[in-house]
């Protein structure tokens, strides 16, 4: 979706609220044959979309998979445990130094929510659902 199509939708009152969800696997694709990266469109949505009621929800396990320009446009992050120095460095502008250090200590189900719309970042603890998911990680310790 480019800027012209966003403006077209706005002129015809077609936009109420659009949420674009991008899965992490799409972020690893290289540039196309004409040299245009997938990020070109995402950067446009991140920069211009908010004004038009289009919101981008981006999920990744590694913030280094996200283009630096795109990451700079993101105003809200839900960050789970990160331990690699290069991953922590990529989001350090979104959190205080103390919070960046706390990310290394988060347990399963814990996260930090940071946003330009929050006065204070939030520590979140998600309770494990009782629903049976049949996706347990196999144990390599017991044979």
Protein backbone atom coordinates (compact mmCIF):
# COMPACT_ATOMS: atom_id res chain seq x y z
CA UNK A 1 0.00 0.00 0.00
CA UNK A 2 1.60 3.26 -1.06
CA UNK A 3 0.91 6.87 -0.19
CA UNK A 4 -1.44 7.39 -3.17
CA UNK A 5 -3.61 4.44 -2.26
CA UNK A 6 -3.80 5.62 1.37
CA UNK A 7 -4.90 9.10 0.22
CA UNK A 8 -7.45 7.53 -2.16
CA UNK A 9 -8.97 5.53 0.69
CA UNK A 10 -9.10 8.61 2.88
CA UNK A 11 -10.84 10.76 0.22
CA UNK A 12 -13.55 8.16 -0.18
CA UNK A 13 -14.01 7.70 3.59
CA UNK A 14 -13.00 4.06 3.33
CA UNK A 15 -10.66 4.17 6.30
CA UNK A 16 -12.07 3.75 9.74
CA UNK A 17 -9.23 1.86 11.34
CA UNK A 18 -6.87 -0.53 9.65
CA UNK A 19 -4.37 -2.62 11.54
CA UNK A 20 -1.56 -4.19 9.55
CA UNK A 21 0.04 -7.23 11.17
CA UNK A 22 3.45 -8.33 9.92
CA UNK A 23 5.00 -11.60 11.03
CA UNK A 24 8.73 -11.76 11.63
CA UNK A 25 9.42 -14.21 8.78
CA UNK A 26 8.55 -11.62 6.14
CA UNK A 27 11.28 -9.34 7.50
CA UNK A 28 14.13 -11.58 6.44
CA UNK A 29 13.42 -11.40 2.71
CA UNK A 30 16.05 -9.57 0.70
CA UNK A 31 15.43 -6.78 -1.77
CA UNK A 32 13.47 -7.57 -4.89
CA UNK A 33 15.05 -7.70 -8.33
CA UNK A 34 14.28 -4.02 -8.91
CA UNK A 35 16.18 -3.09 -5.73
CA UNK A 36 13.12 -2.17 -3.69
CA UNK A 37 13.03 -3.61 -0.20
CA UNK A 38 9.90 -4.82 1.55
CA UNK A 39 10.75 -2.17 4.12
CA UNK A 40 9.96 0.64 1.69
CA UNK A 41 6.23 -0.05 2.08
CA UNK A 42 6.46 -0.71 5.81
CA UNK A 43 8.36 2.53 6.39
CA UNK A 44 5.68 4.41 4.48
CA UNK A 45 2.91 2.82 6.54
CA UNK A 46 4.76 3.53 9.79
CA UNK A 47 5.42 7.17 8.85
CA UNK A 48 2.18 8.13 7.14
CA UNK A 49 -0.30 5.51 8.26
CA UNK A 50 -0.98 6.84 11.75
CA UNK A 51 -2.29 10.11 10.30
CA UNK A 52 -4.72 8.10 8.20
CA UNK A 53 -5.85 5.66 10.88
CA UNK A 54 -3.63 2.79 9.73
CA UNK A 55 -1.65 1.11 12.48
CA UNK A 56 1.24 -1.28 12.16
CA UNK A 57 1.64 -4.22 14.53
CA UNK A 58 5.04 -5.78 14.01
CA UNK A 59 6.24 -8.89 15.79
CA UNK A 60 9.72 -10.34 15.86
CA UNK A 61 11.89 -12.41 18.14
CA UNK A 62 14.95 -10.39 17.22
CA UNK A 63 14.80 -6.58 16.98
CA UNK A 64 17.87 -6.69 14.71
CA UNK A 65 15.65 -8.24 12.01
CA UNK A 66 13.80 -4.92 11.79
CA UNK A 67 15.15 -2.14 9.60
CA UNK A 68 16.65 0.67 11.73
CA UNK A 69 14.49 3.33 10.05
CA UNK A 70 11.36 1.29 10.68
CA UNK A 71 12.31 0.56 14.30
CA UNK A 72 12.80 4.30 14.81
CA UNK A 73 9.19 4.91 13.73
CA UNK A 74 7.72 2.50 16.26
CA UNK A 75 6.23 4.20 19.29
CA UNK A 76 5.22 1.17 21.36
CA UNK A 77 7.24 -1.93 22.16
CA UNK A 78 6.35 -5.06 24.09
CA UNK A 79 9.74 -6.54 24.91
CA UNK A 80 10.31 -10.00 26.31
CA UNK A 81 13.64 -11.32 27.55
CA UNK A 82 16.63 -10.27 25.46
CA UNK A 83 20.19 -11.24 26.33
CA UNK A 84 22.35 -10.65 23.26
CA UNK A 85 24.19 -7.31 23.48
CA UNK A 86 23.39 -6.39 19.87
CA UNK A 87 19.65 -7.03 20.44
CA UNK A 88 19.66 -4.89 23.59
CA UNK A 89 21.54 -2.12 21.80
CA UNK A 90 18.96 -2.00 19.01
CA UNK A 91 16.17 -1.02 21.44
CA UNK A 92 18.14 0.98 24.00
CA UNK A 93 16.60 4.26 22.79
CA UNK A 94 13.15 3.01 23.80
CA UNK A 95 14.02 2.11 27.41
CA UNK A 96 16.01 3.46 30.30
CA UNK A 97 19.41 1.92 31.03
CA UNK A 98 17.98 0.22 34.12
CA UNK A 99 15.15 -1.33 32.12
CA UNK A 100 17.52 -2.55 29.41
CA UNK A 101 19.48 -4.35 32.15
CA UNK A 102 16.24 -5.81 33.55
CA UNK A 103 15.38 -7.38 30.18
CA UNK A 104 18.14 -9.93 30.72
CA UNK A 105 16.42 -11.12 33.90
CA UNK A 106 12.86 -11.54 32.62
CA UNK A 107 11.31 -14.98 32.99
CA UNK A 108 8.83 -16.79 30.77
CA UNK A 109 5.61 -14.77 30.57
CA UNK A 110 7.22 -11.51 31.64
CA UNK A 111 7.67 -8.43 29.46
CA UNK A 112 8.11 -4.66 29.53
CA UNK A 113 5.63 -2.45 27.68
CA UNK A 114 7.09 0.88 26.66
CA UNK A 115 5.31 3.55 24.65
CA UNK A 116 5.50 7.21 23.81
CA UNK A 117 1.89 7.29 25.05
CA UNK A 118 2.74 6.03 28.56
CA UNK A 119 4.03 8.18 31.39
CA UNK A 120 5.83 5.18 32.82
CA UNK A 121 6.81 1.87 31.25
CA UNK A 122 4.85 -1.12 32.48
CA UNK A 123 6.11 -4.46 33.73
CA UNK A 124 3.74 -7.16 32.49
CA UNK A 125 3.33 -10.67 33.77
CA UNK A 126 1.16 -12.93 31.62
CA UNK A 127 -0.47 -15.85 33.37
CA UNK A 128 -0.16 -19.19 31.66
CA UNK A 129 -3.38 -20.27 30.01
CA UNK A 130 -4.95 -23.51 31.25
CA UNK A 131 -5.81 -24.52 27.69
CA UNK A 132 -3.94 -27.58 26.45
CA UNK A 133 -1.88 -26.56 23.41
CA UNK A 134 0.02 -29.75 22.56
CA UNK A 135 3.19 -27.80 21.82
CA UNK A 136 5.49 -28.66 24.69
CA UNK A 137 9.20 -28.47 24.04
CA UNK A 138 10.64 -31.98 24.25
CA UNK A 139 12.97 -32.61 27.14
CA UNK A 140 16.45 -33.69 26.19
CA UNK A 141 17.37 -34.43 29.80
CA UNK A 142 15.05 -37.42 30.37
CA UNK A 143 15.19 -40.40 28.06
